[in-house]
Amino acid sequence: MKKLFFLFLLFVNVFYIAHVLFDFGLRMSLPWNVLFGFLFITSLLYSSIHLLRSKKYALLSVTVLSLSLASLGWFTFINYISLIMG
Protein backbone atom coordinates (compact mmCIF):
# COMPACT_ATOMS: atom_id res chain seq x y z
CA MET A 1 0.00 0.00 0.00
CA LYS A 2 2.81 2.41 0.86
CA LYS A 3 4.65 1.57 -2.32
CA LEU A 4 1.56 2.28 -4.43
CA PHE A 5 1.06 5.60 -2.66
CA PHE A 6 4.71 6.50 -3.28
CA LEU A 7 4.35 5.57 -6.94
CA PHE A 8 1.21 7.71 -7.23
CA LEU A 9 3.03 10.68 -5.67
CA LEU A 10 5.99 10.06 -7.97
CA PHE A 11 3.69 10.04 -10.99
CA VAL A 12 2.02 13.31 -9.92
CA ASN A 13 5.37 15.04 -9.41
CA VAL A 14 6.80 13.82 -12.71
CA PHE A 15 3.59 14.83 -14.52
CA TYR A 16 3.74 18.34 -13.08
CA ILE A 17 7.41 18.83 -13.92
CA ALA A 18 6.87 17.49 -17.45
CA HIS A 19 3.83 19.74 -17.83
CA VAL A 20 5.82 22.80 -16.84
CA LEU A 21 8.89 21.97 -18.92
CA PHE A 22 7.18 20.81 -22.11
CA ASP A 23 3.95 22.86 -21.85
CA PHE A 24 1.30 20.36 -22.88
CA GLY A 25 -1.17 23.17 -23.47
CA LEU A 26 -3.19 22.43 -20.36
CA ARG A 27 -4.17 25.44 -18.32
CA MET A 28 -4.92 24.71 -14.71
CA SER A 29 -7.68 26.45 -12.83
CA LEU A 30 -7.68 27.42 -9.17
CA PRO A 31 -9.01 24.06 -7.87
CA TRP A 32 -6.27 22.21 -9.77
CA ASN A 33 -3.63 24.57 -8.38
CA VAL A 34 -4.91 24.02 -4.84
CA LEU A 35 -4.95 20.26 -5.38
CA PHE A 36 -1.41 20.21 -6.77
CA GLY A 37 -0.14 22.42 -3.93
CA PHE A 38 -1.75 20.12 -1.39
CA LEU A 39 -0.29 17.03 -3.09
CA PHE A 40 3.21 18.52 -3.20
CA ILE A 41 3.15 19.43 0.49
CA THR A 42 1.67 16.04 1.38
CA SER A 43 4.28 14.17 -0.63
CA LEU A 44 7.07 16.25 0.88
CA LEU A 45 5.91 15.58 4.44
CA TYR A 46 5.03 11.93 3.88
CA SER A 47 8.28 11.02 2.19
CA SER A 48 10.42 12.83 4.76
CA ILE A 49 8.61 11.16 7.66
CA HIS A 50 8.79 7.78 5.98
CA LEU A 51 12.50 8.25 5.25
CA LEU A 52 13.25 9.06 8.88
CA ARG A 53 11.19 6.20 10.32
CA SER A 54 11.69 3.36 7.89
CA LYS A 55 14.44 2.30 5.53
CA LYS A 56 12.23 -0.10 3.56
CA TYR A 57 11.72 2.01 0.42
CA ALA A 58 14.58 4.44 0.97
CA LEU A 59 15.41 5.08 -2.69
CA LEU A 60 11.77 5.60 -3.64
CA SER A 61 11.30 7.88 -0.65
CA VAL A 62 14.34 9.99 -1.55
CA THR A 63 13.15 10.21 -5.15
CA VAL A 64 9.69 11.40 -4.12
CA LEU A 65 11.21 13.80 -1.59
CA SER A 66 13.51 15.44 -4.13
CA LEU A 67 10.87 15.61 -6.87
CA SER A 68 8.24 17.01 -4.52
CA LEU A 69 10.69 19.65 -3.32
CA ALA A 70 11.44 20.59 -6.93
CA SER A 71 7.75 20.59 -7.87
CA LEU A 72 6.79 22.69 -4.85
CA GLY A 73 9.55 25.19 -5.60
CA TRP A 74 8.55 25.52 -9.24
CA PHE A 75 4.85 25.68 -8.30
CA THR A 76 5.55 28.48 -5.81
CA PHE A 77 7.71 30.37 -8.30
CA ILE A 78 5.10 30.17 -11.08
CA ASN A 79 2.29 31.28 -8.80
CA TYR A 80 4.41 34.12 -7.39
CA ILE A 81 5.26 35.37 -10.89
CA SER A 82 1.62 35.19 -11.97
CA LEU A 83 0.59 37.09 -8.82
CA ILE A 84 3.12 39.84 -9.47
CA MET A 85 2.31 40.17 -13.16
CA GLY A 86 -1.41 40.21 -12.56
C-alpha atoms as a PDB file:
ATOM      1  CA  MET A   1       0.000   0.000   0.000  1.00  0.00           C
ATOM      2  CA  LYS A   2       2.807   2.411   0.859  1.00  0.00           C
ATOM      3  CA  LYS A   3       4.652   1.566  -2.321  1.00  0.00           C
ATOM      4  CA  LEU A   4       1.559   2.278  -4.432  1.00  0.00           C
ATOM      5  CA  PHE A   5       1.063   5.597  -2.659  1.00  0.00           C
ATOM      6  CA  PHE A   6       4.707   6.505  -3.276  1.00  0.00           C
ATOM      7  CA  LEU A   7       4.351   5.567  -6.944  1.00  0.00           C
ATOM      8  CA  PHE A   8       1.213   7.713  -7.225  1.00  0.00           C
ATOM      9  CA  LEU A   9       3.030  10.685  -5.671  1.00  0.00           C
ATOM     10  CA  LEU A  10       5.992  10.060  -7.966  1.00  0.00           C
ATOM     11  CA  PHE A  11       3.689  10.045 -10.990  1.00  0.00           C
ATOM     12  CA  VAL A  12       2.018  13.309  -9.917  1.00  0.00           C
ATOM     13  CA  ASN A  13       5.367  15.041  -9.406  1.00  0.00           C
ATOM     14  CA  VAL A  14       6.797  13.817 -12.711  1.00  0.00           C
ATOM     15  CA  PHE A  15       3.590  14.827 -14.523  1.00  0.00           C
ATOM     16  CA  TYR A  16       3.739  18.341 -13.078  1.00  0.00           C
ATOM     17  CA  ILE A  17       7.411  18.835 -13.922  1.00  0.00           C
ATOM     18  CA  ALA A  18       6.866  17.494 -17.445  1.00  0.00           C
ATOM     19  CA  HIS A  19       3.827  19.740 -17.826  1.00  0.00           C
ATOM     20  CA  VAL A  20       5.817  22.798 -16.839  1.00  0.00           C
ATOM     21  CA  LEU A  21       8.886  21.967 -18.919  1.00  0.00           C
ATOM     22  CA  PHE A  22       7.183  20.811 -22.114  1.00  0.00           C
ATOM     23  CA  ASP A  23       3.949  22.864 -21.850  1.00  0.00           C
ATOM     24  CA  PHE A  24       1.296  20.365 -22.883  1.00  0.00           C
ATOM     25  CA  GLY A  25      -1.172  23.174 -23.473  1.00  0.00           C
ATOM     26  CA  LEU A  26      -3.191  22.433 -20.364  1.00  0.00           C
ATOM     27  CA  ARG A  27      -4.175  25.445 -18.320  1.00  0.00           C
ATOM     28  CA  MET A  28      -4.924  24.711 -14.706  1.00  0.00           C
ATOM     29  CA  SER A  29      -7.684  26.446 -12.831  1.00  0.00           C
ATOM     30  CA  LEU A  30      -7.685  27.418  -9.168  1.00  0.00           C
ATOM     31  CA  PRO A  31      -9.011  24.060  -7.866  1.00  0.00           C
ATOM     32  CA  TRP A  32      -6.266  22.210  -9.765  1.00  0.00           C
ATOM     33  CA  ASN A  33      -3.631  24.569  -8.378  1.00  0.00           C
ATOM     34  CA  VAL A  34      -4.907  24.025  -4.843  1.00  0.00           C
ATOM     35  CA  LEU A  35      -4.947  20.258  -5.380  1.00  0.00           C
ATOM     36  CA  PHE A  36      -1.408  20.214  -6.766  1.00  0.00           C
ATOM     37  CA  GLY A  37      -0.143  22.416  -3.932  1.00  0.00           C
ATOM     38  CA  PHE A  38      -1.746  20.125  -1.390  1.00  0.00           C
ATOM     39  CA  LEU A  39      -0.289  17.032  -3.087  1.00  0.00           C
ATOM     40  CA  PHE A  40       3.214  18.521  -3.196  1.00  0.00           C
ATOM     41  CA  ILE A  41       3.154  19.430   0.485  1.00  0.00           C
ATOM     42  CA  THR A  42       1.671  16.044   1.384  1.00  0.00           C
ATOM     43  CA  SER A  43       4.277  14.166  -0.628  1.00  0.00           C
ATOM     44  CA  LEU A  44       7.071  16.247   0.884  1.00  0.00           C
ATOM     45  CA  LEU A  45       5.915  15.575   4.439  1.00  0.00           C
ATOM     46  CA  TYR A  46       5.027  11.929   3.883  1.00  0.00           C
ATOM     47  CA  SER A  47       8.276  11.018   2.191  1.00  0.00           C
ATOM     48  CA  SER A  48      10.424  12.829   4.761  1.00  0.00           C
ATOM     49  CA  ILE A  49       8.607  11.164   7.665  1.00  0.00           C
ATOM     50  CA  HIS A  50       8.794   7.783   5.979  1.00  0.00           C
ATOM     51  CA  LEU A  51      12.505   8.255   5.248  1.00  0.00           C
ATOM     52  CA  LEU A  52      13.250   9.061   8.878  1.00  0.00           C
ATOM     53  CA  ARG A  53      11.193   6.200  10.316  1.00  0.00           C
ATOM     54  CA  SER A  54      11.689   3.356   7.887  1.00  0.00           C
ATOM     55  CA  LYS A  55      14.437   2.296   5.527  1.00  0.00           C
ATOM     56  CA  LYS A  56      12.234  -0.096   3.555  1.00  0.00           C
ATOM     57  CA  TYR A  57      11.724   2.007   0.423  1.00  0.00           C
ATOM     58  CA  ALA A  58      14.576   4.444   0.973  1.00  0.00           C
ATOM     59  CA  LEU A  59      15.408   5.076  -2.690  1.00  0.00           C
ATOM     60  CA  LEU A  60      11.767   5.604  -3.642  1.00  0.00           C
ATOM     61  CA  SER A  61      11.297   7.876  -0.649  1.00  0.00           C
ATOM     62  CA  VAL A  62      14.341   9.991  -1.549  1.00  0.00           C
ATOM     63  CA  THR A  63      13.146  10.213  -5.154  1.00  0.00           C
ATOM     64  CA  VAL A  64       9.690  11.399  -4.117  1.00  0.00           C
ATOM     65  CA  LEU A  65      11.214  13.800  -1.590  1.00  0.00           C
ATOM     66  CA  SER A  66      13.513  15.440  -4.131  1.00  0.00           C
ATOM     67  CA  LEU A  67      10.865  15.612  -6.867  1.00  0.00           C
ATOM     68  CA  SER A  68       8.242  17.007  -4.515  1.00  0.00           C
ATOM     69  CA  LEU A  69      10.689  19.650  -3.323  1.00  0.00           C
ATOM     70  CA  ALA A  70      11.438  20.594  -6.928  1.00  0.00           C
ATOM     71  CA  SER A  71       7.751  20.592  -7.871  1.00  0.00           C
ATOM     72  CA  LEU A  72       6.790  22.688  -4.854  1.00  0.00           C
ATOM     73  CA  GLY A  73       9.549  25.187  -5.602  1.00  0.00           C
ATOM     74  CA  TRP A  74       8.546  25.522  -9.236  1.00  0.00           C
ATOM     75  CA  PHE A  75       4.850  25.679  -8.299  1.00  0.00           C
ATOM     76  CA  THR A  76       5.545  28.483  -5.811  1.00  0.00           C
ATOM     77  CA  PHE A  77       7.708  30.365  -8.305  1.00  0.00           C
ATOM     78  CA  ILE A  78       5.103  30.174 -11.084  1.00  0.00           C
ATOM     79  CA  ASN A  79       2.292  31.284  -8.798  1.00  0.00           C
ATOM     80  CA  TYR A  80       4.413  34.122  -7.391  1.00  0.00           C
ATOM     81  CA  ILE A  81       5.265  35.372 -10.885  1.00  0.00           C
ATOM     82  CA  SER A  82       1.623  35.193 -11.966  1.00  0.00           C
ATOM     83  CA  LEU A  83       0.594  37.090  -8.821  1.00  0.00           C
ATOM     84  CA  ILE A  84       3.115  39.840  -9.466  1.00  0.00           C
ATOM     85  CA  MET A  85       2.310  40.171 -13.159  1.00  0.00           C
ATOM     86  CA  GLY A  86      -1.414  40.208 -12.562  1.00  0.00           C
END
